[in-house]
Amino acid sequence: VTQLPAPGTVVDLGSTTIALTVTDGSSNTATCTFDVLVSDNTNPTISCPEDQEESVDASCNFTLPDYTSLATAADNCSDVTVTQLPAPGTVVDLGSTTIVLTATDGASNTATCTFDVLVSDTSSPTINCPEDQEGLVDTSCNFTLPDYTSLATAADNCSDVTVTQLPAPGTVVEAGTTTIVLTATDGASNTATCNFDVLVSDNTNPT
């Protein structure tokens, strides 16, 4: 019995017809055929990038870009298509979002990998100080600074803002000019400052 194509012949994906021929001692022959159906059941390979660090926009959102080009994918038989979930264009919040990249070959075999997108708030808040303030010394020729933080206008793209004052409320100053620094701090510890002067004068008559 002989075979055609011969043993050892390399064939591609798909159907290959094998003919077997039987020959007797008088060279009489008979043949039969069958098909060899060759398929690809080997998954492709894919490697994801490292975790990605990103920042939110002015609305405290981040729009996922297309990370598929950062993957390394290959297959034994065909080109590979890489897809992403959540899809590019998806809007995510602060924190960690897991990205799944899937490699699919021409035979619909798949492989996946994952990485995280770490979204943080790196935008400083805004703060506007009041105009310069006037004050009068007391009978001891001192002036106690009040809390000016409520006079500031502060805002942030993501969180509430805490406003602090330096020198602190309750600090005693003398006549003259004292510069007040107001600092706005958001939930991610980003800060912004502004300043104004307190003009302290003495309008008390002598005795």
C-alpha atoms as a PDB file:
ATOM      1  CA  VAL A   1       0.000   0.000   0.000  1.00  0.00           C
ATOM      2  CA  THR A   2       1.375   3.416  -0.987  1.00  0.00           C
ATOM      3  CA  GLN A   3       0.202   6.941  -0.089  1.00  0.00           C
ATOM      4  CA  LEU A   4      -0.110  10.157  -2.063  1.00  0.00           C
ATOM      5  CA  PRO A   5       0.780  12.821  -0.963  1.00  0.00           C
ATOM      6  CA  ALA A   6       3.638  10.886   0.606  1.00  0.00           C
ATOM      7  CA  PRO A   7       4.173  10.683   4.348  1.00  0.00           C
ATOM      8  CA  GLY A   8       6.239  13.658   5.474  1.00  0.00           C
ATOM      9  CA  THR A   9       4.540  16.077   3.063  1.00  0.00           C
ATOM     10  CA  VAL A  10       3.720  19.425   4.736  1.00  0.00           C
ATOM     11  CA  VAL A  11       0.202  20.721   4.065  1.00  0.00           C
ATOM     12  CA  ASP A  12      -1.673  23.872   5.051  1.00  0.00           C
ATOM     13  CA  LEU A  13      -4.911  24.488   6.898  1.00  0.00           C
ATOM     14  CA  GLY A  14      -7.981  23.046   5.269  1.00  0.00           C
ATOM     15  CA  SER A  15      -8.815  19.777   3.513  1.00  0.00           C
ATOM     16  CA  THR A  16      -6.194  17.571   1.853  1.00  0.00           C
ATOM     17  CA  THR A  17      -7.267  14.420  -0.050  1.00  0.00           C
ATOM     18  CA  ILE A  18      -5.164  11.333   0.624  1.00  0.00           C
ATOM     19  CA  ALA A  19      -5.069   8.550  -2.010  1.00  0.00           C
ATOM     20  CA  LEU A  20      -4.035   5.064  -0.864  1.00  0.00           C
ATOM     21  CA  THR A  21      -3.090   2.577  -3.575  1.00  0.00           C
ATOM     22  CA  VAL A  22      -2.790  -1.178  -3.063  1.00  0.00           C
ATOM     23  CA  THR A  23      -0.655  -3.130  -5.561  1.00  0.00           C
ATOM     24  CA  ASP A  24      -0.437  -6.920  -5.723  1.00  0.00           C
ATOM     25  CA  GLY A  25       2.363  -9.118  -7.034  1.00  0.00           C
ATOM     26  CA  SER A  26       1.036  -8.899 -10.579  1.00  0.00           C
ATOM     27  CA  SER A  27       0.969  -5.063 -10.469  1.00  0.00           C
ATOM     28  CA  ASN A  28      -2.790  -4.961 -10.279  1.00  0.00           C
ATOM     29  CA  THR A  29      -3.949  -1.903  -8.279  1.00  0.00           C
ATOM     30  CA  ALA A  30      -6.889  -0.451  -6.465  1.00  0.00           C
ATOM     31  CA  THR A  31      -7.247   2.935  -4.766  1.00  0.00           C
ATOM     32  CA  CYS A  32      -9.315   4.640  -2.146  1.00  0.00           C
ATOM     33  CA  THR A  33      -9.346   8.207  -0.853  1.00  0.00           C
ATOM     34  CA  PHE A  34     -10.118  10.102   2.304  1.00  0.00           C
ATOM     35  CA  ASP A  35      -9.642  13.676   3.479  1.00  0.00           C
ATOM     36  CA  VAL A  36      -7.375  15.047   6.166  1.00  0.00           C
ATOM     37  CA  LEU A  37      -9.070  18.083   7.707  1.00  0.00           C
ATOM     38  CA  VAL A  38      -6.381  20.339   9.198  1.00  0.00           C
ATOM     39  CA  SER A  39      -7.504  23.055  11.618  1.00  0.00           C
ATOM     40  CA  ASP A  40      -5.860  25.548  13.975  1.00  0.00           C
ATOM     41  CA  ASN A  41      -6.780  25.070  17.632  1.00  0.00           C
ATOM     42  CA  THR A  42      -3.718  26.849  19.042  1.00  0.00           C
ATOM     43  CA  ASN A  43      -4.473  30.047  20.937  1.00  0.00           C
ATOM     44  CA  PRO A  44      -2.558  33.187  20.019  1.00  0.00           C
ATOM     45  CA  THR A  45      -0.296  34.864  22.565  1.00  0.00           C
ATOM     46  CA  ILE A  46      -0.746  38.349  24.000  1.00  0.00           C
ATOM     47  CA  SER A  47       1.170  40.457  26.516  1.00  0.00           C
ATOM     48  CA  CYS A  48      -0.322  43.571  28.080  1.00  0.00           C
ATOM     49  CA  PRO A  49       1.510  46.789  28.948  1.00  0.00           C
ATOM     50  CA  GLU A  50       2.223  47.764  32.529  1.00  0.00           C
ATOM     51  CA  ASP A  51      -0.425  49.596  34.545  1.00  0.00           C
ATOM     52  CA  GLN A  52      -1.122  53.044  33.110  1.00  0.00           C
ATOM     53  CA  GLU A  53      -1.374  56.255  35.177  1.00  0.00           C
ATOM     54  CA  GLU A  54      -3.818  58.893  33.955  1.00  0.00           C
ATOM     55  CA  SER A  55      -5.430  62.134  35.199  1.00  0.00           C
ATOM     56  CA  VAL A  56      -9.035  63.285  35.161  1.00  0.00           C
ATOM     57  CA  ASP A  57     -10.184  66.279  33.144  1.00  0.00           C
ATOM     58  CA  ALA A  58     -11.914  69.456  34.303  1.00  0.00           C
ATOM     59  CA  SER A  59     -15.141  67.467  34.792  1.00  0.00           C
ATOM     60  CA  CYS A  60     -13.385  64.895  37.005  1.00  0.00           C
ATOM     61  CA  ASN A  61     -13.695  62.238  34.295  1.00  0.00           C
ATOM     62  CA  PHE A  62     -11.210  60.293  32.186  1.00  0.00           C
ATOM     63  CA  THR A  63     -11.966  58.975  28.700  1.00  0.00           C
ATOM     64  CA  LEU A  64     -10.225  55.679  27.987  1.00  0.00           C
ATOM     65  CA  PRO A  65      -8.009  55.802  24.890  1.00  0.00           C
ATOM     66  CA  ASP A  66      -7.282  52.844  22.609  1.00  0.00           C
ATOM     67  CA  TYR A  67      -4.621  50.795  24.407  1.00  0.00           C
ATOM     68  CA  THR A  68      -4.602  47.908  21.889  1.00  0.00           C
ATOM     69  CA  SER A  69      -1.451  49.185  20.177  1.00  0.00           C
ATOM     70  CA  LEU A  70       0.429  48.736  23.468  1.00  0.00           C
ATOM     71  CA  ALA A  71      -0.165  44.962  23.438  1.00  0.00           C
ATOM     72  CA  THR A  72       2.261  42.436  21.948  1.00  0.00           C
ATOM     73  CA  ALA A  73       0.286  39.708  20.152  1.00  0.00           C
ATOM     74  CA  ALA A  74       1.250  36.850  17.814  1.00  0.00           C
ATOM     75  CA  ASP A  75      -0.156  33.630  16.353  1.00  0.00           C
ATOM     76  CA  ASN A  76       1.180  30.478  14.707  1.00  0.00           C
ATOM     77  CA  CYS A  77      -1.031  30.725  11.632  1.00  0.00           C
ATOM     78  CA  SER A  78      -2.601  34.094  10.981  1.00  0.00           C
ATOM     79  CA  ASP A  79      -2.738  37.761  11.789  1.00  0.00           C
ATOM     80  CA  VAL A  80      -4.180  38.675  15.173  1.00  0.00           C
ATOM     81  CA  THR A  81      -6.908  41.184  15.989  1.00  0.00           C
ATOM     82  CA  VAL A  82      -6.721  42.841  19.431  1.00  0.00           C
ATOM     83  CA  THR A  83      -9.848  44.246  21.081  1.00  0.00           C
ATOM     84  CA  GLN A  84     -10.324  46.167  24.331  1.00  0.00           C
ATOM     85  CA  LEU A  85     -12.885  46.066  27.156  1.00  0.00           C
ATOM     86  CA  PRO A  86     -14.050  48.578  28.379  1.00  0.00           C
ATOM     87  CA  ALA A  87     -13.999  49.966  24.865  1.00  0.00           C
ATOM     88  CA  PRO A  88     -11.999  53.058  23.869  1.00  0.00           C
ATOM     89  CA  GLY A  89     -14.082  56.158  24.523  1.00  0.00           C
ATOM     90  CA  THR A  90     -15.580  54.821  27.761  1.00  0.00           C
ATOM     91  CA  VAL A  91     -15.647  57.474  30.500  1.00  0.00           C
ATOM     92  CA  VAL A  92     -14.385  56.307  33.909  1.00  0.00           C
ATOM     93  CA  ASP A  93     -14.097  57.920  37.327  1.00  0.00           C
ATOM     94  CA  LEU A  94     -11.247  58.317  39.752  1.00  0.00           C
ATOM     95  CA  GLY A  95      -9.609  55.105  40.917  1.00  0.00           C
ATOM     96  CA  SER A  96      -8.597  51.845  39.271  1.00  0.00           C
ATOM     97  CA  THR A  97     -10.198  50.419  36.117  1.00  0.00           C
ATOM     98  CA  THR A  98      -9.160  46.993  34.825  1.00  0.00           C
ATOM     99  CA  ILE A  99      -8.627  46.794  31.062  1.00  0.00           C
ATOM    100  CA  VAL A 100      -8.984  43.418  29.292  1.00  0.00           C
ATOM    101  CA  LEU A 101      -7.233  43.020  25.929  1.00  0.00           C
ATOM    102  CA  THR A 102      -8.251  40.019  23.791  1.00  0.00           C
ATOM    103  CA  ALA A 103      -6.245  38.626  20.876  1.00  0.00           C
ATOM    104  CA  THR A 104      -8.272  36.698  18.268  1.00  0.00           C
ATOM    105  CA  ASP A 105      -6.666  34.740  15.404  1.00  0.00           C
ATOM    106  CA  GLY A 106      -8.142  33.738  12.046  1.00  0.00           C
ATOM    107  CA  ALA A 107      -9.568  30.518  13.504  1.00  0.00           C
ATOM    108  CA  SER A 108     -11.353  32.398  16.341  1.00  0.00           C
ATOM    109  CA  ASN A 109      -8.928  31.151  18.965  1.00  0.00           C
ATOM    110  CA  THR A 110      -8.434  33.754  21.693  1.00  0.00           C
ATOM    111  CA  ALA A 111      -6.093  34.792  24.482  1.00  0.00           C
ATOM    112  CA  THR A 112      -6.495  37.596  27.012  1.00  0.00           C
ATOM    113  CA  CYS A 113      -4.409  39.722  29.333  1.00  0.00           C
ATOM    114  CA  THR A 114      -5.252  42.510  31.769  1.00  0.00           C
ATOM    115  CA  PHE A 115      -3.774  45.671  33.241  1.00  0.00           C
ATOM    116  CA  ASP A 116      -5.087  48.524  35.376  1.00  0.00           C
ATOM    117  CA  VAL A 117      -5.633  52.179  34.522  1.00  0.00           C
ATOM    118  CA  LEU A 118      -5.002  54.236  37.654  1.00  0.00           C
ATOM    119  CA  VAL A 119      -6.896  57.518  37.348  1.00  0.00           C
ATOM    120  CA  SER A 120      -6.044  60.309  39.784  1.00  0.00           C
ATOM    121  CA  ASP A 121      -6.817  63.991  40.272  1.00  0.00           C
ATOM    122  CA  THR A 122      -3.740  66.141  39.609  1.00  0.00           C
ATOM    123  CA  SER A 123      -5.599  69.401  38.978  1.00  0.00           C
ATOM    124  CA  SER A 124      -5.183  72.149  41.556  1.00  0.00           C
ATOM    125  CA  PRO A 125      -8.305  73.811  42.929  1.00  0.00           C
ATOM    126  CA  THR A 126      -8.981  77.498  42.297  1.00  0.00           C
ATOM    127  CA  ILE A 127      -9.141  80.195  44.966  1.00  0.00           C
ATOM    128  CA  ASN A 128      -9.777  83.918  44.900  1.00  0.00           C
ATOM    129  CA  CYS A 129      -9.032  86.121  47.905  1.00  0.00           C
ATOM    130  CA  PRO A 130     -11.034  89.111  49.075  1.00  0.00           C
ATOM    131  CA  GLU A 131      -9.744  92.632  48.704  1.00  0.00           C
ATOM    132  CA  ASP A 132      -7.413  94.040  51.344  1.00  0.00           C
ATOM    133  CA  GLN A 133      -9.112  94.315  54.732  1.00  0.00           C
ATOM    134  CA  GLU A 134      -8.895  97.100  57.268  1.00  0.00           C
ATOM    135  CA  GLY A 135      -8.680  96.652  61.029  1.00  0.00           C
ATOM    136  CA  LEU A 136      -8.337  98.778  64.150  1.00  0.00           C
ATOM    137  CA  VAL A 137      -6.145  98.080  67.146  1.00  0.00           C
ATOM    138  CA  ASP A 138      -7.711  97.655  70.582  1.00  0.00           C
ATOM    139  CA  THR A 139      -6.862  99.500  73.787  1.00  0.00           C
ATOM    140  CA  SER A 140      -3.648  97.455  74.020  1.00  0.00           C
ATOM    141  CA  CYS A 141      -2.646  98.553  70.494  1.00  0.00           C
ATOM    142  CA  ASN A 142      -3.177  95.016  69.190  1.00  0.00           C
ATOM    143  CA  PHE A 143      -5.453  93.480  66.569  1.00  0.00           C
ATOM    144  CA  THR A 144      -6.657  89.875  66.688  1.00  0.00           C
ATOM    145  CA  LEU A 145      -6.979  88.362  63.216  1.00  0.00           C
ATOM    146  CA  PRO A 146     -10.454  86.980  62.514  1.00  0.00           C
ATOM    147  CA  ASP A 147     -11.202  83.970  60.286  1.00  0.00           C
ATOM    148  CA  TYR A 148     -11.120  85.290  56.708  1.00  0.00           C
ATOM    149  CA  THR A 149     -11.532  81.882  55.013  1.00  0.00           C
ATOM    150  CA  SER A 150     -15.263  82.418  54.401  1.00  0.00           C
ATOM    151  CA  LEU A 151     -14.415  85.457  52.258  1.00  0.00           C
ATOM    152  CA  ALA A 152     -12.515  83.312  49.753  1.00  0.00           C
ATOM    153  CA  THR A 153     -14.119  81.828  46.636  1.00  0.00           C
ATOM    154  CA  ALA A 154     -12.735  78.314  46.086  1.00  0.00           C
ATOM    155  CA  ALA A 155     -13.702  75.432  43.783  1.00  0.00           C
ATOM    156  CA  ASP A 156     -12.359  72.136  42.476  1.00  0.00           C
ATOM    157  CA  ASN A 157     -13.092  69.786  39.567  1.00  0.00           C
ATOM    158  CA  CYS A 158     -13.545  66.697  41.755  1.00  0.00           C
ATOM    159  CA  SER A 159     -14.151  67.339  45.418  1.00  0.00           C
ATOM    160  CA  ASP A 160     -15.005  69.790  48.148  1.00  0.00           C
ATOM    161  CA  VAL A 161     -12.291  72.283  49.064  1.00  0.00           C
ATOM    162  CA  THR A 162     -10.914  73.110  52.500  1.00  0.00           C
ATOM    163  CA  VAL A 163      -9.591  76.661  52.955  1.00  0.00           C
ATOM    164  CA  THR A 164      -6.985  77.399  55.623  1.00  0.00           C
ATOM    165  CA  GLN A 165      -5.440  80.686  56.747  1.00  0.00           C
ATOM    166  CA  LEU A 166      -1.929  81.789  57.662  1.00  0.00           C
ATOM    167  CA  PRO A 167      -1.367  83.519  60.072  1.00  0.00           C
ATOM    168  CA  ALA A 168      -4.148  81.538  61.742  1.00  0.00           C
ATOM    169  CA  PRO A 169      -7.318  83.157  63.046  1.00  0.00           C
ATOM    170  CA  GLY A 170      -6.733  84.385  66.586  1.00  0.00           C
ATOM    171  CA  THR A 171      -3.201  85.552  65.876  1.00  0.00           C
ATOM    172  CA  VAL A 172      -2.495  88.943  67.466  1.00  0.00           C
ATOM    173  CA  VAL A 173      -0.786  91.505  65.224  1.00  0.00           C
ATOM    174  CA  GLU A 174       0.256  95.102  65.696  1.00  0.00           C
ATOM    175  CA  ALA A 175      -0.593  98.206  63.725  1.00  0.00           C
ATOM    176  CA  GLY A 176       0.652  98.095  60.162  1.00  0.00           C
ATOM    177  CA  THR A 177       0.334  95.668  57.246  1.00  0.00           C
ATOM    178  CA  THR A 178      -0.020  91.905  57.691  1.00  0.00           C
ATOM    179  CA  THR A 179      -0.201  89.625  54.658  1.00  0.00           C
ATOM    180  CA  ILE A 180      -2.760  86.844  54.889  1.00  0.00           C
ATOM    181  CA  VAL A 181      -2.266  83.665  52.826  1.00  0.00           C
ATOM    182  CA  LEU A 182      -5.329  81.530  52.136  1.00  0.00           C
ATOM    183  CA  THR A 183      -4.749  77.961  50.887  1.00  0.00           C
ATOM    184  CA  ALA A 184      -7.365  75.799  49.169  1.00  0.00           C
ATOM    185  CA  THR A 185      -6.814  72.018  49.452  1.00  0.00           C
ATOM    186  CA  ASP A 186      -8.896  69.475  47.522  1.00  0.00           C
ATOM    187  CA  GLY A 187      -9.572  65.816  48.299  1.00  0.00           C
ATOM    188  CA  ALA A 188      -6.448  64.711  46.438  1.00  0.00           C
ATOM    189  CA  SER A 189      -4.232  67.125  48.432  1.00  0.00           C
ATOM    190  CA  ASN A 190      -3.738  69.453  45.471  1.00  0.00           C
ATOM    191  CA  THR A 191      -3.436  73.051  46.628  1.00  0.00           C
ATOM    192  CA  ALA A 192      -3.744  76.626  45.435  1.00  0.00           C
ATOM    193  CA  THR A 193      -3.050  79.861  47.311  1.00  0.00           C
ATOM    194  CA  CYS A 194      -3.912  83.538  47.223  1.00  0.00           C
ATOM    195  CA  ASN A 195      -3.090  86.419  49.524  1.00  0.00           C
ATOM    196  CA  PHE A 196      -4.287  89.805  50.615  1.00  0.00           C
ATOM    197  CA  ASP A 197      -3.234  92.388  53.206  1.00  0.00           C
ATOM    198  CA  VAL A 198      -4.818  93.380  56.471  1.00  0.00           C
ATOM    199  CA  LEU A 199      -4.157  97.079  57.086  1.00  0.00           C
ATOM    200  CA  VAL A 200      -4.296  97.669  60.841  1.00  0.00           C
ATOM    201  CA  SER A 201      -4.448 101.270  62.040  1.00  0.00           C
ATOM    202  CA  ASP A 202      -4.868 103.155  65.327  1.00  0.00           C
ATOM    203  CA  ASN A 203      -7.726 105.633  65.563  1.00  0.00           C
ATOM    204  CA  THR A 204      -7.796 105.826  69.381  1.00  0.00           C
ATOM    205  CA  ASN A 205      -7.091 109.264  70.819  1.00  0.00           C
ATOM    206  CA  PRO A 206      -4.413 109.534  73.488  1.00  0.00           C
ATOM    207  CA  THR A 207      -5.296 110.529  77.066  1.00  0.00           C
END
